[in-house]
């Protein structure tokens, strides 16, 4: 089976994502949950997807590429939100380009329609 080492690594990364997701959810419950809550949601949503890719690795030709992109994107996004929470600035400009925090610290989605989101919860932006 090709990429056997990568397959095992992705399962380990899924475990780390789950660990970080639970830890950041716990931290978010003791303070301002806007940024850490988003990081937690992304990690807890994508960790099972990596486990599913691990399970179907032999059946999907693109499983390795999908797992790498999913892990890298989730780590970048969650890392940026965590950095913003603890230090006040992101990893680098546009590191969480479409879902990064807006001026109010909320995760921005569909700005052109006056909405913002945190995870899957949509709310109307106050004007």
N, C-alpha and C. Protein backbone atom coordinates (compact mmCIF):
# COMPACT_ATOMS: atom_id res chain seq x y z
N UNK A 1 0.84 -1.17 0.00
CA UNK A 1 0.00 0.00 0.00
C UNK A 1 0.90 1.24 0.00
N UNK A 2 0.75 2.15 -0.98
CA UNK A 2 1.58 3.34 -1.04
C UNK A 2 1.20 4.33 0.06
N UNK A 3 2.17 5.15 0.43
CA UNK A 3 1.96 6.21 1.42
C UNK A 3 1.54 5.68 2.79
N UNK A 4 2.04 4.53 3.18
CA UNK A 4 1.65 3.95 4.46
C UNK A 4 2.07 4.83 5.64
N UNK A 5 3.26 5.41 5.56
CA UNK A 5 3.71 6.30 6.62
C UNK A 5 2.85 7.55 6.71
N UNK A 6 2.46 8.10 5.56
CA UNK A 6 1.60 9.28 5.53
C UNK A 6 0.22 8.94 6.11
N UNK A 7 -0.26 7.75 5.81
CA UNK A 7 -1.57 7.32 6.32
C UNK A 7 -1.56 7.31 7.85
N UNK A 8 -0.53 6.73 8.44
CA UNK A 8 -0.43 6.69 9.89
C UNK A 8 -0.27 8.08 10.48
N UNK A 9 0.49 8.92 9.80
CA UNK A 9 0.69 10.29 10.26
C UNK A 9 -0.61 11.06 10.27
N UNK A 10 -1.44 10.87 9.26
CA UNK A 10 -2.72 11.58 9.20
C UNK A 10 -3.66 11.13 10.32
N UNK A 11 -3.59 9.87 10.72
CA UNK A 11 -4.39 9.42 11.85
C UNK A 11 -3.90 10.09 13.14
N UNK A 12 -2.60 10.21 13.29
CA UNK A 12 -2.03 10.90 14.44
C UNK A 12 -2.43 12.37 14.44
N UNK A 13 -2.39 13.02 13.27
CA UNK A 13 -2.79 14.42 13.15
C UNK A 13 -4.27 14.58 13.51
N UNK A 14 -5.10 13.62 13.12
CA UNK A 14 -6.52 13.67 13.48
C UNK A 14 -6.69 13.62 14.99
N UNK A 15 -5.90 12.82 15.65
CA UNK A 15 -5.94 12.76 17.11
C UNK A 15 -5.52 14.07 17.75
N UNK A 16 -4.47 14.68 17.19
CA UNK A 16 -4.02 15.98 17.70
C UNK A 16 -5.08 17.06 17.48
N UNK A 17 -5.75 17.00 16.33
CA UNK A 17 -6.82 17.97 16.07
C UNK A 17 -7.95 17.81 17.07
N UNK A 18 -8.31 16.57 17.35
CA UNK A 18 -9.35 16.33 18.34
C UNK A 18 -8.94 16.83 19.71
N UNK A 19 -7.70 16.58 20.09
CA UNK A 19 -7.17 17.05 21.36
C UNK A 19 -7.21 18.58 21.44
N UNK A 20 -6.73 19.24 20.39
CA UNK A 20 -6.73 20.69 20.37
C UNK A 20 -8.15 21.24 20.35
N UNK A 21 -9.05 20.56 19.64
CA UNK A 21 -10.44 21.01 19.58
C UNK A 21 -11.10 20.99 20.95
N UNK A 22 -10.90 19.93 21.70
CA UNK A 22 -11.47 19.84 23.05
C UNK A 22 -10.80 20.84 23.98
N UNK A 23 -9.49 20.97 23.91
CA UNK A 23 -8.77 21.91 24.78
C UNK A 23 -9.18 23.35 24.49
N UNK A 24 -9.30 23.70 23.21
CA UNK A 24 -9.68 25.08 22.89
C UNK A 24 -11.15 25.35 23.22
N UNK A 25 -12.00 24.34 23.16
CA UNK A 25 -13.39 24.51 23.58
C UNK A 25 -13.45 24.77 25.08
N UNK A 26 -12.64 24.04 25.83
CA UNK A 26 -12.60 24.25 27.28
C UNK A 26 -12.07 25.64 27.61
N UNK A 27 -11.03 26.07 26.91
CA UNK A 27 -10.49 27.41 27.14
C UNK A 27 -11.49 28.49 26.75
N UNK A 28 -12.22 28.25 25.66
CA UNK A 28 -13.20 29.23 25.20
C UNK A 28 -14.36 29.38 26.18
N UNK A 29 -14.65 28.32 26.92
CA UNK A 29 -15.77 28.39 27.87
C UNK A 29 -15.44 29.23 29.08
N UNK A 30 -14.17 29.57 29.29
CA UNK A 30 -13.76 30.35 30.44
C UNK A 30 -13.43 31.79 30.09
N UNK A 31 -13.74 32.20 28.89
CA UNK A 31 -13.42 33.57 28.48
C UNK A 31 -14.23 33.94 27.26
N UNK A 32 -13.67 34.78 26.44
CA UNK A 32 -14.32 35.21 25.20
C UNK A 32 -14.24 34.07 24.18
N UNK A 33 -15.38 33.48 23.82
CA UNK A 33 -15.35 32.30 22.97
C UNK A 33 -15.27 32.56 21.47
N UNK A 34 -15.20 33.81 21.06
CA UNK A 34 -15.31 34.10 19.63
C UNK A 34 -14.22 33.46 18.80
N UNK A 35 -12.99 33.60 19.16
CA UNK A 35 -11.90 33.07 18.34
C UNK A 35 -11.58 31.62 18.68
N UNK A 36 -11.43 31.31 19.95
CA UNK A 36 -11.12 29.92 20.32
C UNK A 36 -12.27 28.99 20.01
N UNK A 37 -13.49 29.49 20.10
CA UNK A 37 -14.65 28.67 19.74
C UNK A 37 -14.63 28.28 18.26
N UNK A 38 -14.23 29.23 17.42
CA UNK A 38 -14.12 28.93 15.98
C UNK A 38 -13.02 27.93 15.69
N UNK A 39 -11.89 28.08 16.36
CA UNK A 39 -10.79 27.13 16.19
C UNK A 39 -11.20 25.74 16.65
N UNK A 40 -11.91 25.68 17.76
CA UNK A 40 -12.39 24.41 18.29
C UNK A 40 -13.36 23.74 17.31
N UNK A 41 -14.28 24.52 16.79
CA UNK A 41 -15.27 23.98 15.85
C UNK A 41 -14.59 23.40 14.62
N UNK A 42 -13.63 24.13 14.08
CA UNK A 42 -12.96 23.64 12.87
C UNK A 42 -12.19 22.35 13.15
N UNK A 43 -11.48 22.30 14.27
CA UNK A 43 -10.71 21.09 14.59
C UNK A 43 -11.63 19.90 14.85
N UNK A 44 -12.70 20.12 15.61
CA UNK A 44 -13.60 19.02 15.93
C UNK A 44 -14.42 18.56 14.72
N UNK A 45 -14.60 19.43 13.75
CA UNK A 45 -15.32 19.03 12.54
C UNK A 45 -14.42 18.29 11.55
N UNK A 46 -13.14 18.68 11.49
CA UNK A 46 -12.25 18.09 10.50
C UNK A 46 -11.49 16.87 10.98
N UNK A 47 -11.35 16.67 12.27
CA UNK A 47 -10.67 15.48 12.78
C UNK A 47 -11.38 14.19 12.35
N UNK A 48 -12.72 14.11 12.47
CA UNK A 48 -13.39 12.89 11.99
C UNK A 48 -13.26 12.68 10.49
N UNK A 49 -13.16 13.77 9.74
CA UNK A 49 -12.97 13.64 8.29
C UNK A 49 -11.61 13.00 7.99
N UNK A 50 -10.59 13.36 8.75
CA UNK A 50 -9.28 12.72 8.58
C UNK A 50 -9.34 11.24 8.96
N UNK A 51 -10.10 10.92 10.00
CA UNK A 51 -10.26 9.51 10.38
C UNK A 51 -10.97 8.74 9.26
N UNK A 52 -11.97 9.36 8.66
CA UNK A 52 -12.68 8.72 7.55
C UNK A 52 -11.76 8.53 6.34
N UNK A 53 -10.91 9.49 6.07
CA UNK A 53 -9.94 9.33 4.98
C UNK A 53 -8.95 8.21 5.30
N UNK A 54 -8.57 8.10 6.55
CA UNK A 54 -7.69 7.00 6.98
C UNK A 54 -8.37 5.66 6.72
N UNK A 55 -9.65 5.57 7.05
CA UNK A 55 -10.38 4.31 6.87
C UNK A 55 -10.54 3.94 5.39
N UNK A 56 -10.73 4.94 4.54
CA UNK A 56 -10.94 4.66 3.13
C UNK A 56 -9.72 4.89 2.27
N UNK A 57 -8.54 4.95 2.87
CA UNK A 57 -7.30 5.28 2.18
C UNK A 57 -7.06 4.42 0.95
N UNK A 58 -7.28 3.13 1.04
CA UNK A 58 -7.00 2.21 -0.06
C UNK A 58 -8.02 2.32 -1.19
N UNK A 59 -9.17 2.91 -0.90
CA UNK A 59 -10.24 2.96 -1.90
C UNK A 59 -10.30 4.27 -2.66
N UNK A 60 -9.62 5.30 -2.16
CA UNK A 60 -9.65 6.61 -2.80
C UNK A 60 -8.25 6.98 -3.27
N UNK A 61 -8.11 7.24 -4.57
CA UNK A 61 -6.80 7.61 -5.10
C UNK A 61 -6.32 8.95 -4.58
N UNK A 62 -7.25 9.82 -4.28
CA UNK A 62 -6.88 11.17 -3.84
C UNK A 62 -6.90 11.34 -2.32
N UNK A 63 -6.95 10.24 -1.58
CA UNK A 63 -7.04 10.33 -0.13
C UNK A 63 -5.82 11.04 0.46
N UNK A 64 -4.63 10.75 -0.04
CA UNK A 64 -3.42 11.39 0.50
C UNK A 64 -3.45 12.89 0.28
N UNK A 65 -3.78 13.32 -0.92
CA UNK A 65 -3.85 14.75 -1.21
C UNK A 65 -4.94 15.42 -0.39
N UNK A 66 -6.10 14.79 -0.32
CA UNK A 66 -7.20 15.36 0.45
C UNK A 66 -6.83 15.48 1.93
N UNK A 67 -6.20 14.47 2.47
CA UNK A 67 -5.81 14.50 3.88
C UNK A 67 -4.77 15.59 4.14
N UNK A 68 -3.80 15.71 3.26
CA UNK A 68 -2.78 16.75 3.43
C UNK A 68 -3.39 18.15 3.37
N UNK A 69 -4.25 18.39 2.40
CA UNK A 69 -4.88 19.71 2.27
C UNK A 69 -5.80 20.00 3.44
N UNK A 70 -6.56 19.01 3.86
CA UNK A 70 -7.48 19.19 4.99
C UNK A 70 -6.71 19.47 6.28
N UNK A 71 -5.67 18.72 6.52
CA UNK A 71 -4.87 18.91 7.73
C UNK A 71 -4.16 20.27 7.71
N UNK A 72 -3.57 20.62 6.59
CA UNK A 72 -2.84 21.89 6.50
C UNK A 72 -3.79 23.08 6.63
N UNK A 73 -4.92 23.02 5.94
CA UNK A 73 -5.88 24.12 6.02
C UNK A 73 -6.46 24.30 7.41
N UNK A 74 -6.79 23.19 8.05
CA UNK A 74 -7.34 23.27 9.40
C UNK A 74 -6.30 23.79 10.39
N UNK A 75 -5.08 23.32 10.27
CA UNK A 75 -4.01 23.78 11.17
C UNK A 75 -3.75 25.27 10.97
N UNK A 76 -3.73 25.72 9.73
CA UNK A 76 -3.49 27.14 9.45
C UNK A 76 -4.62 27.99 10.00
N UNK A 77 -5.85 27.58 9.75
CA UNK A 77 -7.01 28.35 10.20
C UNK A 77 -7.09 28.39 11.72
N UNK A 78 -7.02 27.22 12.36
CA UNK A 78 -7.12 27.16 13.82
C UNK A 78 -5.91 27.84 14.47
N UNK A 79 -4.74 27.68 13.87
CA UNK A 79 -3.56 28.35 14.40
C UNK A 79 -3.67 29.86 14.34
N UNK A 80 -4.23 30.36 13.24
CA UNK A 80 -4.39 31.80 13.11
C UNK A 80 -5.37 32.33 14.16
N UNK A 81 -6.50 31.66 14.34
CA UNK A 81 -7.49 32.11 15.32
C UNK A 81 -6.93 32.04 16.74
N UNK A 82 -6.18 30.99 17.02
CA UNK A 82 -5.58 30.86 18.36
C UNK A 82 -4.54 31.95 18.60
N UNK A 83 -3.74 32.22 17.59
CA UNK A 83 -2.74 33.28 17.71
C UNK A 83 -3.42 34.64 17.92
N UNK A 84 -4.51 34.88 17.19
CA UNK A 84 -5.25 36.14 17.36
C UNK A 84 -5.82 36.25 18.77
N UNK A 85 -6.28 35.14 19.32
CA UNK A 85 -6.85 35.16 20.67
C UNK A 85 -5.78 35.52 21.71
N UNK A 86 -4.64 34.86 21.65
CA UNK A 86 -3.63 35.03 22.68
C UNK A 86 -2.70 36.22 22.48
N UNK A 87 -2.43 36.59 21.22
CA UNK A 87 -1.47 37.67 21.00
C UNK A 87 -2.08 38.93 20.40
N UNK A 88 -3.28 38.83 19.88
CA UNK A 88 -3.92 40.01 19.30
C UNK A 88 -3.65 40.20 17.82
N UNK A 89 -2.82 39.36 17.23
CA UNK A 89 -2.58 39.44 15.78
C UNK A 89 -2.47 38.03 15.22
N UNK A 90 -2.70 37.89 13.92
CA UNK A 90 -2.68 36.59 13.28
C UNK A 90 -1.28 36.12 12.96
N UNK A 91 -1.21 34.94 12.36
CA UNK A 91 0.09 34.38 11.98
C UNK A 91 0.78 35.25 10.94
N UNK A 92 0.05 35.62 9.89
CA UNK A 92 0.51 36.52 8.85
C UNK A 92 -0.73 37.04 8.14
N UNK A 93 -0.64 38.13 7.40
CA UNK A 93 -1.83 38.69 6.74
C UNK A 93 -2.52 37.67 5.84
N UNK A 94 -3.82 37.59 5.98
CA UNK A 94 -4.68 36.72 5.17
C UNK A 94 -4.41 35.23 5.40
N UNK A 95 -3.92 34.84 6.56
CA UNK A 95 -3.68 33.42 6.80
C UNK A 95 -4.99 32.66 7.01
N UNK A 96 -6.01 33.33 7.43
CA UNK A 96 -7.34 32.75 7.46
C UNK A 96 -8.21 33.64 6.57
N UNK A 97 -8.02 33.56 5.26
CA UNK A 97 -8.52 34.59 4.34
C UNK A 97 -10.04 34.80 4.32
N UNK A 98 -10.81 33.79 4.15
CA UNK A 98 -12.25 34.01 4.01
C UNK A 98 -12.98 33.87 5.34
N UNK A 99 -12.46 33.13 6.25
CA UNK A 99 -13.14 32.93 7.51
C UNK A 99 -12.51 33.64 8.66
N UNK A 100 -11.52 34.47 8.38
CA UNK A 100 -10.82 35.17 9.45
C UNK A 100 -11.69 36.20 10.13
N UNK A 101 -11.27 36.64 11.30
CA UNK A 101 -12.10 37.58 12.04
C UNK A 101 -12.22 38.93 11.34
N UNK A 102 -13.39 39.53 11.46
CA UNK A 102 -13.57 40.87 10.93
C UNK A 102 -13.22 41.88 12.01
N UNK A 103 -13.56 43.13 11.82
CA UNK A 103 -13.18 44.17 12.77
C UNK A 103 -13.78 43.96 14.16
N UNK A 104 -14.90 43.27 14.23
CA UNK A 104 -15.55 43.02 15.51
C UNK A 104 -15.01 41.77 16.20
N UNK A 105 -14.08 41.06 15.56
CA UNK A 105 -13.54 39.84 16.14
C UNK A 105 -14.35 38.61 15.81
N UNK A 106 -15.43 38.77 15.03
CA UNK A 106 -16.24 37.62 14.65
C UNK A 106 -15.73 37.05 13.33
N UNK A 107 -15.99 35.80 13.08
CA UNK A 107 -15.58 35.19 11.83
C UNK A 107 -16.48 35.70 10.72
N UNK A 108 -15.86 36.22 9.67
CA UNK A 108 -16.62 36.88 8.62
C UNK A 108 -17.05 35.91 7.54
N UNK A 109 -18.32 35.92 7.20
CA UNK A 109 -18.87 35.15 6.09
C UNK A 109 -19.88 36.05 5.40
N UNK A 110 -19.91 36.01 4.13
CA UNK A 110 -20.90 36.72 3.34
C UNK A 110 -21.01 38.18 3.76
N UNK A 111 -19.89 38.87 3.82
CA UNK A 111 -19.91 40.26 4.24
C UNK A 111 -20.79 41.12 3.34
N UNK A 112 -20.86 40.77 2.07
CA UNK A 112 -21.65 41.57 1.15
C UNK A 112 -23.14 41.52 1.48
N UNK A 113 -23.59 40.55 2.26
CA UNK A 113 -25.00 40.44 2.62
C UNK A 113 -25.26 40.88 4.05
N UNK A 114 -24.24 41.40 4.74
CA UNK A 114 -24.43 41.92 6.08
C UNK A 114 -24.53 40.86 7.15
N UNK A 115 -23.97 39.68 6.91
CA UNK A 115 -23.98 38.62 7.90
C UNK A 115 -22.56 38.27 8.32
N UNK A 116 -22.45 37.72 9.48
CA UNK A 116 -21.19 37.14 9.90
C UNK A 116 -21.52 35.83 10.59
N UNK A 117 -20.53 34.96 10.71
CA UNK A 117 -20.82 33.66 11.30
C UNK A 117 -19.71 33.25 12.24
N UNK A 118 -20.04 32.39 13.16
CA UNK A 118 -19.08 31.75 14.03
C UNK A 118 -19.42 30.28 13.99
N UNK A 119 -18.56 29.50 13.35
CA UNK A 119 -18.90 28.09 13.13
C UNK A 119 -20.05 28.03 12.15
N UNK A 120 -21.12 27.36 12.53
CA UNK A 120 -22.27 27.25 11.66
C UNK A 120 -23.42 28.13 12.11
N UNK A 121 -23.21 28.96 13.12
CA UNK A 121 -24.26 29.82 13.65
C UNK A 121 -24.22 31.15 12.92
N UNK A 122 -25.27 31.46 12.20
CA UNK A 122 -25.33 32.72 11.47
C UNK A 122 -26.09 33.75 12.30
N UNK A 123 -25.62 34.97 12.28
CA UNK A 123 -26.34 36.04 12.95
C UNK A 123 -26.17 37.31 12.13
N UNK A 124 -27.14 38.17 12.22
CA UNK A 124 -27.10 39.42 11.47
C UNK A 124 -26.21 40.41 12.20
N UNK A 125 -25.38 41.08 11.44
CA UNK A 125 -24.47 42.07 12.00
C UNK A 125 -25.26 43.31 12.38
N UNK A 126 -24.97 43.82 13.59
CA UNK A 126 -25.64 45.04 14.05
C UNK A 126 -25.04 46.21 13.30
N UNK A 127 -25.91 47.16 12.92
CA UNK A 127 -25.41 48.36 12.22
C UNK A 127 -25.69 49.61 13.00
